[in-house]
Amino acid sequence: MNSEITAVRLMEMIQRGQKSFNRICVEDGVLIKVNLSNITFEESLFSVNFTDSDFENTSFINSNLKSCFFTNCIFTNAVLVGNSLDGAEFSGEKVDGMTFKYNISHSIVLTESHLAEMIL
């Protein structure tokens, strides 16, 4: 079972130095212009507006990123593997060195080509 936390609580935990999160749930949150670099999220659920946030060297593994907004975010050297991206919106991302594998949206396995189309 996922542990529900607020977006504010997540940021408090990160500011205290926590770098790894497993099975957390953050819904209806707004985390605009936040630094979420060098963090690992596994088997977690998010429904958050992450506009202008930094995910450099961050990993999302086997998570549900439903309906998240990733507008103008930095994903340099980030890892997105095995995630559900139903309803997630990407636009204007920096994705140099990003690993993008085994992600799905509406039962379709997404490729790097799909990612390129999504961020235009």
PDB file of N, CA and C in Angstrom:
ATOM      1  N   MET A   1       0.835  -1.185   0.000  1.00  0.00           N
ATOM      2  CA  MET A   1       0.000   0.000   0.000  1.00  0.00           C
ATOM      3  C   MET A   1       0.880   1.249   0.000  1.00  0.00           C
ATOM      4  N   ASN A   2       0.493   2.239  -0.789  1.00  0.00           N
ATOM      5  CA  ASN A   2       1.243   3.485  -0.857  1.00  0.00           C
ATOM      6  C   ASN A   2       0.930   4.368   0.339  1.00  0.00           C
ATOM      7  N   SER A   3       1.948   5.062   0.801  1.00  0.00           N
ATOM      8  CA  SER A   3       1.814   5.999   1.903  1.00  0.00           C
ATOM      9  C   SER A   3       1.474   7.373   1.333  1.00  0.00           C
ATOM     10  N   GLU A   4       0.277   7.888   1.660  1.00  0.00           N
ATOM     11  CA  GLU A   4      -0.131   9.190   1.135  1.00  0.00           C
ATOM     12  C   GLU A   4       0.570  10.304   1.883  1.00  0.00           C
ATOM     13  N   ILE A   5       1.166  11.220   1.118  1.00  0.00           N
ATOM     14  CA  ILE A   5       1.774  12.410   1.702  1.00  0.00           C
ATOM     15  C   ILE A   5       1.413  13.602   0.831  1.00  0.00           C
ATOM     16  N   THR A   6       1.488  14.780   1.395  1.00  0.00           N
ATOM     17  CA  THR A   6       1.209  15.990   0.623  1.00  0.00           C
ATOM     18  C   THR A   6       2.473  16.423  -0.106  1.00  0.00           C
ATOM     19  N   ALA A   7       2.292  17.294  -1.074  1.00  0.00           N
ATOM     20  CA  ALA A   7       3.445  17.849  -1.791  1.00  0.00           C
ATOM     21  C   ALA A   7       4.347  18.618  -0.829  1.00  0.00           C
ATOM     22  N   VAL A   8       3.745  19.318   0.121  1.00  0.00           N
ATOM     23  CA  VAL A   8       4.523  20.064   1.112  1.00  0.00           C
ATOM     24  C   VAL A   8       5.356  19.111   1.959  1.00  0.00           C
ATOM     25  N   ARG A   9       4.761  18.012   2.382  1.00  0.00           N
ATOM     26  CA  ARG A   9       5.493  17.016   3.203  1.00  0.00           C
ATOM     27  C   ARG A   9       6.639  16.403   2.398  1.00  0.00           C
ATOM     28  N   LEU A  10       6.406  16.119   1.136  1.00  0.00           N
ATOM     29  CA  LEU A  10       7.472  15.582   0.282  1.00  0.00           C
ATOM     30  C   LEU A  10       8.660  16.536   0.259  1.00  0.00           C
ATOM     31  N   MET A  11       8.394  17.810   0.043  1.00  0.00           N
ATOM     32  CA  MET A  11       9.485  18.782  -0.004  1.00  0.00           C
ATOM     33  C   MET A  11      10.206  18.902   1.331  1.00  0.00           C
ATOM     34  N   GLU A  12       9.491  18.789   2.432  1.00  0.00           N
ATOM     35  CA  GLU A  12      10.129  18.803   3.761  1.00  0.00           C
ATOM     36  C   GLU A  12      11.084  17.630   3.904  1.00  0.00           C
ATOM     37  N   MET A  13      10.659  16.457   3.469  1.00  0.00           N
ATOM     38  CA  MET A  13      11.495  15.257   3.558  1.00  0.00           C
ATOM     39  C   MET A  13      12.744  15.405   2.699  1.00  0.00           C
ATOM     40  N   ILE A  14      12.578  15.975   1.511  1.00  0.00           N
ATOM     41  CA  ILE A  14      13.718  16.186   0.617  1.00  0.00           C
ATOM     42  C   ILE A  14      14.675  17.211   1.221  1.00  0.00           C
ATOM     43  N   GLN A  15      14.144  18.274   1.772  1.00  0.00           N
ATOM     44  CA  GLN A  15      14.991  19.303   2.389  1.00  0.00           C
ATOM     45  C   GLN A  15      15.761  18.763   3.586  1.00  0.00           C
ATOM     46  N   ARG A  16      15.231  17.728   4.222  1.00  0.00           N
ATOM     47  CA  ARG A  16      15.933  17.077   5.339  1.00  0.00           C
ATOM     48  C   ARG A  16      16.963  16.057   4.860  1.00  0.00           C
ATOM     49  N   GLY A  17      17.055  15.880   3.542  1.00  0.00           N
ATOM     50  CA  GLY A  17      18.094  15.027   2.982  1.00  0.00           C
ATOM     51  C   GLY A  17      17.657  13.675   2.458  1.00  0.00           C
ATOM     52  N   GLN A  18      16.383  13.356   2.529  1.00  0.00           N
ATOM     53  CA  GLN A  18      15.924  12.062   2.017  1.00  0.00           C
ATOM     54  C   GLN A  18      16.041  12.064   0.501  1.00  0.00           C
ATOM     55  N   LYS A  19      16.651  11.012  -0.053  1.00  0.00           N
ATOM     56  CA  LYS A  19      16.902  10.939  -1.496  1.00  0.00           C
ATOM     57  C   LYS A  19      16.210   9.753  -2.164  1.00  0.00           C
ATOM     58  N   SER A  20      15.573   8.905  -1.383  1.00  0.00           N
ATOM     59  CA  SER A  20      14.942   7.722  -1.939  1.00  0.00           C
ATOM     60  C   SER A  20      13.546   7.566  -1.342  1.00  0.00           C
ATOM     61  N   PHE A  21      12.572   7.354  -2.238  1.00  0.00           N
ATOM     62  CA  PHE A  21      11.188   7.202  -1.809  1.00  0.00           C
ATOM     63  C   PHE A  21      10.610   5.965  -2.474  1.00  0.00           C
ATOM     64  N   ASN A  22       9.914   5.165  -1.690  1.00  0.00           N
ATOM     65  CA  ASN A  22       9.315   3.931  -2.184  1.00  0.00           C
ATOM     66  C   ASN A  22       7.855   3.894  -1.751  1.00  0.00           C
ATOM     67  N   ARG A  23       6.975   3.702  -2.740  1.00  0.00           N
ATOM     68  CA  ARG A  23       5.553   3.507  -2.505  1.00  0.00           C
ATOM     69  C   ARG A  23       4.893   4.699  -1.809  1.00  0.00           C
ATOM     70  N   ILE A  24       5.193   5.903  -2.294  1.00  0.00           N
ATOM     71  CA  ILE A  24       4.494   7.080  -1.787  1.00  0.00           C
ATOM     72  C   ILE A  24       3.421   7.499  -2.787  1.00  0.00           C
ATOM     73  N   CYS A  25       2.455   8.249  -2.292  1.00  0.00           N
ATOM     74  CA  CYS A  25       1.357   8.749  -3.126  1.00  0.00           C
ATOM     75  C   CYS A  25       1.213  10.241  -2.866  1.00  0.00           C
ATOM     76  N   VAL A  26       1.395  11.041  -3.924  1.00  0.00           N
ATOM     77  CA  VAL A  26       1.229  12.488  -3.834  1.00  0.00           C
ATOM     78  C   VAL A  26       0.238  12.879  -4.925  1.00  0.00           C
ATOM     79  N   GLU A  27      -0.973  13.239  -4.513  1.00  0.00           N
ATOM     80  CA  GLU A  27      -2.003  13.598  -5.484  1.00  0.00           C
ATOM     81  C   GLU A  27      -2.454  15.039  -5.294  1.00  0.00           C
ATOM     82  N   ASP A  28      -2.899  15.621  -6.379  1.00  0.00           N
ATOM     83  CA  ASP A  28      -3.430  16.991  -6.374  1.00  0.00           C
ATOM     84  C   ASP A  28      -2.440  17.993  -5.804  1.00  0.00           C
ATOM     85  N   GLY A  29      -1.172  17.802  -6.111  1.00  0.00           N
ATOM     86  CA  GLY A  29      -0.157  18.709  -5.602  1.00  0.00           C
ATOM     87  C   GLY A  29       0.350  19.663  -6.662  1.00  0.00           C
ATOM     88  N   VAL A  30       1.000  20.712  -6.187  1.00  0.00           N
ATOM     89  CA  VAL A  30       1.643  21.676  -7.061  1.00  0.00           C
ATOM     90  C   VAL A  30       3.071  21.844  -6.568  1.00  0.00           C
ATOM     91  N   LEU A  31       4.022  21.480  -7.413  1.00  0.00           N
ATOM     92  CA  LEU A  31       5.446  21.604  -7.094  1.00  0.00           C
ATOM     93  C   LEU A  31       6.111  22.319  -8.264  1.00  0.00           C
ATOM     94  N   ILE A  32       5.897  23.606  -8.353  1.00  0.00           N
ATOM     95  CA  ILE A  32       6.403  24.404  -9.455  1.00  0.00           C
ATOM     96  C   ILE A  32       7.757  24.994  -9.089  1.00  0.00           C
ATOM     97  N   LYS A  33       8.700  24.888 -10.045  1.00  0.00           N
ATOM     98  CA  LYS A  33      10.057  25.428  -9.886  1.00  0.00           C
ATOM     99  C   LYS A  33      10.777  24.844  -8.673  1.00  0.00           C
ATOM    100  N   VAL A  34      10.654  23.520  -8.483  1.00  0.00           N
ATOM    101  CA  VAL A  34      11.339  22.883  -7.365  1.00  0.00           C
ATOM    102  C   VAL A  34      12.509  22.041  -7.877  1.00  0.00           C
ATOM    103  N   ASN A  35      13.494  21.860  -7.023  1.00  0.00           N
ATOM    104  CA  ASN A  35      14.651  21.045  -7.357  1.00  0.00           C
ATOM    105  C   ASN A  35      14.428  19.646  -6.805  1.00  0.00           C
ATOM    106  N   LEU A  36      14.178  18.708  -7.703  1.00  0.00           N
ATOM    107  CA  LEU A  36      13.984  17.309  -7.346  1.00  0.00           C
ATOM    108  C   LEU A  36      15.087  16.452  -7.959  1.00  0.00           C
ATOM    109  N   SER A  37      16.264  17.046  -8.122  1.00  0.00           N
ATOM    110  CA  SER A  37      17.372  16.323  -8.744  1.00  0.00           C
ATOM    111  C   SER A  37      17.984  15.324  -7.766  1.00  0.00           C
ATOM    112  N   ASN A  38      18.549  14.262  -8.348  1.00  0.00           N
ATOM    113  CA  ASN A  38      19.274  13.233  -7.587  1.00  0.00           C
ATOM    114  C   ASN A  38      18.395  12.490  -6.587  1.00  0.00           C
ATOM    115  N   ILE A  39      17.144  12.267  -6.947  1.00  0.00           N
ATOM    116  CA  ILE A  39      16.212  11.550  -6.077  1.00  0.00           C
ATOM    117  C   ILE A  39      15.691  10.327  -6.823  1.00  0.00           C
ATOM    118  N   THR A  40      15.369   9.274  -6.081  1.00  0.00           N
ATOM    119  CA  THR A  40      14.801   8.070  -6.667  1.00  0.00           C
ATOM    120  C   THR A  40      13.403   7.853  -6.108  1.00  0.00           C
ATOM    121  N   PHE A  41      12.446   7.665  -7.029  1.00  0.00           N
ATOM    122  CA  PHE A  41      11.072   7.342  -6.675  1.00  0.00           C
ATOM    123  C   PHE A  41      10.768   5.967  -7.263  1.00  0.00           C
ATOM    124  N   GLU A  42      10.375   5.019  -6.407  1.00  0.00           N
ATOM    125  CA  GLU A  42      10.035   3.678  -6.883  1.00  0.00           C
ATOM    126  C   GLU A  42       8.622   3.321  -6.451  1.00  0.00           C
ATOM    127  N   GLU A  43       7.895   2.700  -7.375  1.00  0.00           N
ATOM    128  CA  GLU A  43       6.546   2.216  -7.126  1.00  0.00           C
ATOM    129  C   GLU A  43       5.687   3.266  -6.434  1.00  0.00           C
ATOM    130  N   SER A  44       5.762   4.491  -6.931  1.00  0.00           N
ATOM    131  CA  SER A  44       5.035   5.602  -6.326  1.00  0.00           C
ATOM    132  C   SER A  44       3.968   6.131  -7.277  1.00  0.00           C
ATOM    133  N   LEU A  45       3.062   6.916  -6.746  1.00  0.00           N
ATOM    134  CA  LEU A  45       1.981   7.479  -7.534  1.00  0.00           C
ATOM    135  C   LEU A  45       1.994   8.992  -7.368  1.00  0.00           C
ATOM    136  N   PHE A  46       1.952   9.690  -8.505  1.00  0.00           N
ATOM    137  CA  PHE A  46       1.926  11.147  -8.505  1.00  0.00           C
ATOM    138  C   PHE A  46       0.826  11.645  -9.428  1.00  0.00           C
ATOM    139  N   SER A  47       0.169  12.704  -9.016  1.00  0.00           N
ATOM    140  CA  SER A  47      -0.728  13.462  -9.870  1.00  0.00           C
ATOM    141  C   SER A  47      -0.478  14.920  -9.504  1.00  0.00           C
ATOM    142  N   VAL A  48       0.591  15.478 -10.067  1.00  0.00           N
ATOM    143  CA  VAL A  48       1.158  16.739  -9.596  1.00  0.00           C
ATOM    144  C   VAL A  48       1.519  17.636 -10.775  1.00  0.00           C
ATOM    145  N   ASN A  49       1.440  18.927 -10.572  1.00  0.00           N
ATOM    146  CA  ASN A  49       1.930  19.905 -11.531  1.00  0.00           C
ATOM    147  C   ASN A  49       3.387  20.195 -11.167  1.00  0.00           C
ATOM    148  N   PHE A  50       4.310  19.725 -12.002  1.00  0.00           N
ATOM    149  CA  PHE A  50       5.750  19.882 -11.776  1.00  0.00           C
ATOM    150  C   PHE A  50       6.362  20.962 -12.685  1.00  0.00           C
ATOM    151  N   THR A  51       5.591  21.886 -13.210  1.00  0.00           N
ATOM    152  CA  THR A  51       6.075  22.879 -14.159  1.00  0.00           C
ATOM    153  C   THR A  51       7.376  23.531 -13.701  1.00  0.00           C
ATOM    154  N   ASP A  52       8.331  23.641 -14.635  1.00  0.00           N
ATOM    155  CA  ASP A  52       9.625  24.314 -14.419  1.00  0.00           C
ATOM    156  C   ASP A  52      10.490  23.671 -13.328  1.00  0.00           C
ATOM    157  N   SER A  53      10.302  22.393 -13.064  1.00  0.00           N
ATOM    158  CA  SER A  53      11.077  21.715 -12.020  1.00  0.00           C
ATOM    159  C   SER A  53      12.291  20.999 -12.587  1.00  0.00           C
ATOM    160  N   ASP A  54      13.232  20.694 -11.718  1.00  0.00           N
ATOM    161  CA  ASP A  54      14.508  20.081 -12.099  1.00  0.00           C
ATOM    162  C   ASP A  54      14.548  18.634 -11.626  1.00  0.00           C
ATOM    163  N   PHE A  55      14.626  17.709 -12.580  1.00  0.00           N
ATOM    164  CA  PHE A  55      14.712  16.272 -12.309  1.00  0.00           C
ATOM    165  C   PHE A  55      16.052  15.698 -12.776  1.00  0.00           C
ATOM    166  N   GLU A  56      17.082  16.515 -12.815  1.00  0.00           N
ATOM    167  CA  GLU A  56      18.384  16.039 -13.278  1.00  0.00           C
ATOM    168  C   GLU A  56      18.853  14.884 -12.393  1.00  0.00           C
ATOM    169  N   ASN A  57      19.255  13.778 -13.031  1.00  0.00           N
ATOM    170  CA  ASN A  57      19.736  12.569 -12.351  1.00  0.00           C
ATOM    171  C   ASN A  57      18.689  11.938 -11.436  1.00  0.00           C
ATOM    172  N   THR A  58      17.423  12.219 -11.668  1.00  0.00           N
ATOM    173  CA  THR A  58      16.338  11.636 -10.873  1.00  0.00           C
ATOM    174  C   THR A  58      15.809  10.398 -11.566  1.00  0.00           C
ATOM    175  N   SER A  59      15.364   9.416 -10.762  1.00  0.00           N
ATOM    176  CA  SER A  59      14.805   8.178 -11.302  1.00  0.00           C
ATOM    177  C   SER A  59      13.361   8.002 -10.865  1.00  0.00           C
ATOM    178  N   PHE A  60      12.518   7.682 -11.840  1.00  0.00           N
ATOM    179  CA  PHE A  60      11.158   7.233 -11.581  1.00  0.00           C
ATOM    180  C   PHE A  60      11.108   5.793 -12.085  1.00  0.00           C
ATOM    181  N   ILE A  61      10.917   4.853 -11.175  1.00  0.00           N
ATOM    182  CA  ILE A  61      10.929   3.437 -11.527  1.00  0.00           C
ATOM    183  C   ILE A  61       9.581   2.816 -11.149  1.00  0.00           C
ATOM    184  N   ASN A  62       8.933   2.178 -12.118  1.00  0.00           N
ATOM    185  CA  ASN A  62       7.676   1.462 -11.887  1.00  0.00           C
ATOM    186  C   ASN A  62       6.660   2.299 -11.113  1.00  0.00           C
ATOM    187  N   SER A  63       6.529   3.544 -11.516  1.00  0.00           N
ATOM    188  CA  SER A  63       5.615   4.462 -10.829  1.00  0.00           C
ATOM    189  C   SER A  63       4.470   4.866 -11.745  1.00  0.00           C
ATOM    190  N   ASN A  64       3.458   5.477 -11.144  1.00  0.00           N
ATOM    191  CA  ASN A  64       2.311   5.977 -11.882  1.00  0.00           C
ATOM    192  C   ASN A  64       2.378   7.499 -11.850  1.00  0.00           C
ATOM    193  N   LEU A  65       2.588   8.096 -13.002  1.00  0.00           N
ATOM    194  CA  LEU A  65       2.707   9.552 -13.112  1.00  0.00           C
ATOM    195  C   LEU A  65       1.474  10.127 -13.807  1.00  0.00           C
ATOM    196  N   LYS A  66       0.323   9.596 -13.434  1.00  0.00           N
ATOM    197  CA  LYS A  66      -0.933   9.963 -14.093  1.00  0.00           C
ATOM    198  C   LYS A  66      -1.218  11.455 -13.985  1.00  0.00           C
ATOM    199  N   SER A  67      -1.566  12.003 -15.084  1.00  0.00           N
ATOM    200  CA  SER A  67      -2.020  13.393 -15.148  1.00  0.00           C
ATOM    201  C   SER A  67      -1.028  14.407 -14.590  1.00  0.00           C
ATOM    202  N   CYS A  68       0.249  14.083 -14.577  1.00  0.00           N
ATOM    203  CA  CYS A  68       1.260  15.054 -14.139  1.00  0.00           C
ATOM    204  C   CYS A  68       1.547  16.041 -15.269  1.00  0.00           C
ATOM    205  N   PHE A  69       1.867  17.246 -14.887  1.00  0.00           N
ATOM    206  CA  PHE A  69       2.292  18.262 -15.853  1.00  0.00           C
ATOM    207  C   PHE A  69       3.795  18.441 -15.708  1.00  0.00           C
ATOM    208  N   PHE A  70       4.520  18.167 -16.781  1.00  0.00           N
ATOM    209  CA  PHE A  70       5.971  18.336 -16.833  1.00  0.00           C
ATOM    210  C   PHE A  70       6.274  19.367 -17.916  1.00  0.00           C
ATOM    211  N   THR A  71       5.999  20.620 -17.651  1.00  0.00           N
ATOM    212  CA  THR A  71       6.221  21.681 -18.625  1.00  0.00           C
ATOM    213  C   THR A  71       7.534  22.382 -18.313  1.00  0.00           C
ATOM    214  N   ASN A  72       8.418  22.445 -19.322  1.00  0.00           N
ATOM    215  CA  ASN A  72       9.724  23.115 -19.190  1.00  0.00           C
ATOM    216  C   ASN A  72      10.567  22.557 -18.043  1.00  0.00           C
ATOM    217  N   CYS A  73      10.527  21.264 -17.871  1.00  0.00           N
ATOM    218  CA  CYS A  73      11.307  20.612 -16.816  1.00  0.00           C
ATOM    219  C   CYS A  73      12.655  20.150 -17.359  1.00  0.00           C
ATOM    220  N   ILE A  74      13.587  19.952 -16.452  1.00  0.00           N
ATOM    221  CA  ILE A  74      14.912  19.436 -16.801  1.00  0.00           C
ATOM    222  C   ILE A  74      14.963  17.961 -16.422  1.00  0.00           C
ATOM    223  N   PHE A  75      15.193  17.108 -17.418  1.00  0.00           N
ATOM    224  CA  PHE A  75      15.321  15.670 -17.197  1.00  0.00           C
ATOM    225  C   PHE A  75      16.701  15.180 -17.643  1.00  0.00           C
ATOM    226  N   THR A  76      17.704  16.019 -17.599  1.00  0.00           N
ATOM    227  CA  THR A  76      19.050  15.632 -18.014  1.00  0.00           C
ATOM    228  C   THR A  76      19.530  14.453 -17.174  1.00  0.00           C
ATOM    229  N   ASN A  77      19.931  13.382 -17.843  1.00  0.00           N
ATOM    230  CA  ASN A  77      20.428  12.155 -17.207  1.00  0.00           C
ATOM    231  C   ASN A  77      19.428  11.514 -16.252  1.00  0.00           C
ATOM    232  N   ALA A  78      18.150  11.825 -16.408  1.00  0.00           N
ATOM    233  CA  ALA A  78      17.110  11.204 -15.596  1.00  0.00           C
ATOM    234  C   ALA A  78      16.808   9.804 -16.123  1.00  0.00           C
ATOM    235  N   VAL A  79      16.147   9.008 -15.290  1.00  0.00           N
ATOM    236  CA  VAL A  79      15.769   7.650 -15.656  1.00  0.00           C
ATOM    237  C   VAL A  79      14.262   7.501 -15.442  1.00  0.00           C
ATOM    238  N   LEU A  80      13.539   7.187 -16.515  1.00  0.00           N
ATOM    239  CA  LEU A  80      12.125   6.855 -16.432  1.00  0.00           C
ATOM    240  C   LEU A  80      11.966   5.455 -16.998  1.00  0.00           C
ATOM    241  N   VAL A  81      11.721   4.485 -16.124  1.00  0.00           N
ATOM    242  CA  VAL A  81      11.642   3.093 -16.537  1.00  0.00           C
ATOM    243  C   VAL A  81      10.418   2.434 -15.899  1.00  0.00           C
ATOM    244  N   GLY A  82       9.572   1.852 -16.752  1.00  0.00           N
ATOM    245  CA  GLY A  82       8.450   1.059 -16.279  1.00  0.00           C
ATOM    246  C   GLY A  82       7.314   1.846 -15.662  1.00  0.00           C
ATOM    247  N   ASN A  83       7.122   3.078 -16.090  1.00  0.00           N
ATOM    248  CA  ASN A  83       6.096   3.934 -15.504  1.00  0.00           C
ATOM    249  C   ASN A  83       4.831   3.985 -16.347  1.00  0.00           C
ATOM    250  N   SER A  84       3.714   4.284 -15.685  1.00  0.00           N
ATOM    251  CA  SER A  84       2.460   4.562 -16.371  1.00  0.00           C
ATOM    252  C   SER A  84       2.363   6.071 -16.530  1.00  0.00           C
ATOM    253  N   LEU A  85       2.207   6.524 -17.769  1.00  0.00           N
ATOM    254  CA  LEU A  85       2.177   7.957 -18.067  1.00  0.00           C
ATOM    255  C   LEU A  85       0.819   8.402 -18.603  1.00  0.00           C
ATOM    256  N   ASP A  86      -0.252   7.671 -18.263  1.00  0.00           N
ATOM    257  CA  ASP A  86      -1.585   8.028 -18.732  1.00  0.00           C
ATOM    258  C   ASP A  86      -1.918   9.452 -18.340  1.00  0.00           C
ATOM    259  N   GLY A  87      -2.198  10.277 -19.322  1.00  0.00           N
ATOM    260  CA  GLY A  87      -2.615  11.646 -19.072  1.00  0.00           C
ATOM    261  C   GLY A  87      -1.493  12.603 -18.696  1.00  0.00           C
ATOM    262  N   ALA A  88      -0.259  12.116 -18.599  1.00  0.00           N
ATOM    263  CA  ALA A  88       0.864  13.001 -18.283  1.00  0.00           C
ATOM    264  C   ALA A  88       1.147  13.893 -19.483  1.00  0.00           C
ATOM    265  N   GLU A  89       1.500  15.137 -19.201  1.00  0.00           N
ATOM    266  CA  GLU A  89       1.796  16.080 -20.275  1.00  0.00           C
ATOM    267  C   GLU A  89       3.237  16.554 -20.165  1.00  0.00           C
ATOM    268  N   PHE A  90       3.957  16.413 -21.279  1.00  0.00           N
ATOM    269  CA  PHE A  90       5.341  16.844 -21.375  1.00  0.00           C
ATOM    270  C   PHE A  90       5.413  17.948 -22.421  1.00  0.00           C
ATOM    271  N   SER A  91       6.165  18.997 -22.139  1.00  0.00           N
ATOM    272  CA  SER A  91       6.301  20.077 -23.103  1.00  0.00           C
ATOM    273  C   SER A  91       7.542  20.894 -22.776  1.00  0.00           C
ATOM    274  N   GLY A  92       8.433  21.025 -23.752  1.00  0.00           N
ATOM    275  CA  GLY A  92       9.609  21.864 -23.577  1.00  0.00           C
ATOM    276  C   GLY A  92      10.681  21.303 -22.669  1.00  0.00           C
ATOM    277  N   GLU A  93      10.732  20.005 -22.515  1.00  0.00           N
ATOM    278  CA  GLU A  93      11.708  19.379 -21.622  1.00  0.00           C
ATOM    279  C   GLU A  93      13.114  19.375 -22.186  1.00  0.00           C
ATOM    280  N   LYS A  94      14.094  19.346 -21.281  1.00  0.00           N
ATOM    281  CA  LYS A  94      15.489  19.084 -21.629  1.00  0.00           C
ATOM    282  C   LYS A  94      15.752  17.638 -21.230  1.00  0.00           C
ATOM    283  N   VAL A  95      16.053  16.792 -22.211  1.00  0.00           N
ATOM    284  CA  VAL A  95      16.142  15.350 -21.959  1.00  0.00           C
ATOM    285  C   VAL A  95      17.499  14.747 -22.334  1.00  0.00           C
ATOM    286  N   ASP A  96      18.545  15.550 -22.396  1.00  0.00           N
ATOM    287  CA  ASP A  96      19.867  15.036 -22.757  1.00  0.00           C
ATOM    288  C   ASP A  96      20.278  13.920 -21.802  1.00  0.00           C
ATOM    289  N   GLY A  97      20.621  12.770 -22.369  1.00  0.00           N
ATOM    290  CA  GLY A  97      21.096  11.653 -21.564  1.00  0.00           C
ATOM    291  C   GLY A  97      20.015  10.910 -20.802  1.00  0.00           C
ATOM    292  N   MET A  98      18.759  11.213 -21.072  1.00  0.00           N
ATOM    293  CA  MET A  98      17.653  10.568 -20.359  1.00  0.00           C
ATOM    294  C   MET A  98      17.494   9.115 -20.795  1.00  0.00           C
ATOM    295  N   THR A  99      17.241   8.237 -19.829  1.00  0.00           N
ATOM    296  CA  THR A  99      16.887   6.851 -20.108  1.00  0.00           C
ATOM    297  C   THR A  99      15.373   6.747 -20.032  1.00  0.00           C
ATOM    298  N   PHE A 100      14.749   6.300 -21.115  1.00  0.00           N
ATOM    299  CA  PHE A 100      13.292   6.240 -21.225  1.00  0.00           C
ATOM    300  C   PHE A 100      12.929   4.875 -21.791  1.00  0.00           C
ATOM    301  N   LYS A 101      12.544   3.929 -20.903  1.00  0.00           N
ATOM    302  CA  LYS A 101      12.274   2.552 -21.348  1.00  0.00           C
ATOM    303  C   LYS A 101      11.065   1.967 -20.616  1.00  0.00           C
ATOM    304  N   TYR A 102      10.330   1.129 -21.350  1.00  0.00           N
ATOM    305  CA  TYR A 102       9.243   0.318 -20.799  1.00  0.00           C
ATOM    306  C   TYR A 102       8.132   1.145 -20.152  1.00  0.00           C
ATOM    307  N   ASN A 103       7.997   2.402 -20.537  1.00  0.00           N
ATOM    308  CA  ASN A 103       6.913   3.233 -20.031  1.00  0.00           C
ATOM    309  C   ASN A 103       5.682   3.009 -20.890  1.00  0.00           C
ATOM    310  N   ILE A 104       4.501   3.137 -20.283  1.00  0.00           N
ATOM    311  CA  ILE A 104       3.267   2.911 -21.024  1.00  0.00           C
ATOM    312  C   ILE A 104       2.307   4.091 -20.856  1.00  0.00           C
ATOM    313  N   SER A 105       1.457   4.247 -21.863  1.00  0.00           N
ATOM    314  CA  SER A 105       0.362   5.203 -21.802  1.00  0.00           C
ATOM    315  C   SER A 105      -0.811   4.595 -22.545  1.00  0.00           C
ATOM    316  N   HIS A 106      -1.922   4.422 -21.864  1.00  0.00           N
ATOM    317  CA  HIS A 106      -3.126   3.847 -22.455  1.00  0.00           C
ATOM    318  C   HIS A 106      -2.810   2.533 -23.173  1.00  0.00           C
ATOM    319  N   SER A 107      -2.083   1.649 -22.487  1.00  0.00           N
ATOM    320  CA  SER A 107      -1.731   0.294 -22.955  1.00  0.00           C
ATOM    321  C   SER A 107      -0.733   0.272 -24.110  1.00  0.00           C
ATOM    322  N   ILE A 108      -0.137   1.400 -24.443  1.00  0.00           N
ATOM    323  CA  ILE A 108       0.874   1.451 -25.501  1.00  0.00           C
ATOM    324  C   ILE A 108       2.245   1.596 -24.845  1.00  0.00           C
ATOM    325  N   VAL A 109       3.176   0.733 -25.248  1.00  0.00           N
ATOM    326  CA  VAL A 109       4.541   0.861 -24.751  1.00  0.00           C
ATOM    327  C   VAL A 109       5.201   2.003 -25.506  1.00  0.00           C
ATOM    328  N   LEU A 110       5.665   2.984 -24.757  1.00  0.00           N
ATOM    329  CA  LEU A 110       6.231   4.186 -25.356  1.00  0.00           C
ATOM    330  C   LEU A 110       7.710   4.012 -25.686  1.00  0.00           C
ATOM    331  N   THR A 111       8.121   4.630 -26.766  1.00  0.00           N
ATOM    332  CA  THR A 111       9.523   4.612 -27.179  1.00  0.00           C
ATOM    333  C   THR A 111      10.090   6.020 -27.048  1.00  0.00           C
ATOM    334  N   GLU A 112      11.359   6.140 -27.288  1.00  0.00           N
ATOM    335  CA  GLU A 112      11.981   7.472 -27.282  1.00  0.00           C
ATOM    336  C   GLU A 112      11.371   8.355 -28.364  1.00  0.00           C
ATOM    337  N   SER A 113      10.920   7.756 -29.454  1.00  0.00           N
ATOM    338  CA  SER A 113      10.234   8.536 -30.502  1.00  0.00           C
ATOM    339  C   SER A 113       8.941   9.148 -29.974  1.00  0.00           C
ATOM    340  N   HIS A 114       8.204   8.378 -29.183  1.00  0.00           N
ATOM    341  CA  HIS A 114       6.993   8.925 -28.570  1.00  0.00           C
ATOM    342  C   HIS A 114       7.347  10.093 -27.650  1.00  0.00           C
ATOM    343  N   LEU A 115       8.407   9.944 -26.876  1.00  0.00           N
ATOM    344  CA  LEU A 115       8.825  11.007 -25.981  1.00  0.00           C
ATOM    345  C   LEU A 115       9.149  12.266 -26.774  1.00  0.00           C
ATOM    346  N   ALA A 116       9.877  12.104 -27.884  1.00  0.00           N
ATOM    347  CA  ALA A 116      10.226  13.265 -28.709  1.00  0.00           C
ATOM    348  C   ALA A 116       8.967  13.973 -29.218  1.00  0.00           C
ATOM    349  N   GLU A 117       7.957  13.204 -29.584  1.00  0.00           N
ATOM    350  CA  GLU A 117       6.693  13.796 -30.036  1.00  0.00           C
ATOM    351  C   GLU A 117       5.976  14.513 -28.903  1.00  0.00           C
ATOM    352  N   MET A 118       6.048  13.957 -27.683  1.00  0.00           N
ATOM    353  CA  MET A 118       5.353  14.538 -26.553  1.00  0.00           C
ATOM    354  C   MET A 118       5.953  15.861 -26.106  1.00  0.00           C
ATOM    355  N   ILE A 119       7.241  16.055 -26.280  1.00  0.00           N
ATOM    356  CA  ILE A 119       7.870  17.251 -25.727  1.00  0.00           C
ATOM    357  C   ILE A 119       7.949  18.417 -26.713  1.00  0.00           C
ATOM    358  N   LEU A 120       7.451  18.228 -27.919  1.00  0.00           N
ATOM    359  CA  LEU A 120       7.456  19.322 -28.903  1.00  0.00           C
ATOM    360  C   LEU A 120       6.569  20.454 -28.472  1.00  0.00           C
TER     361      LEU A 120
END
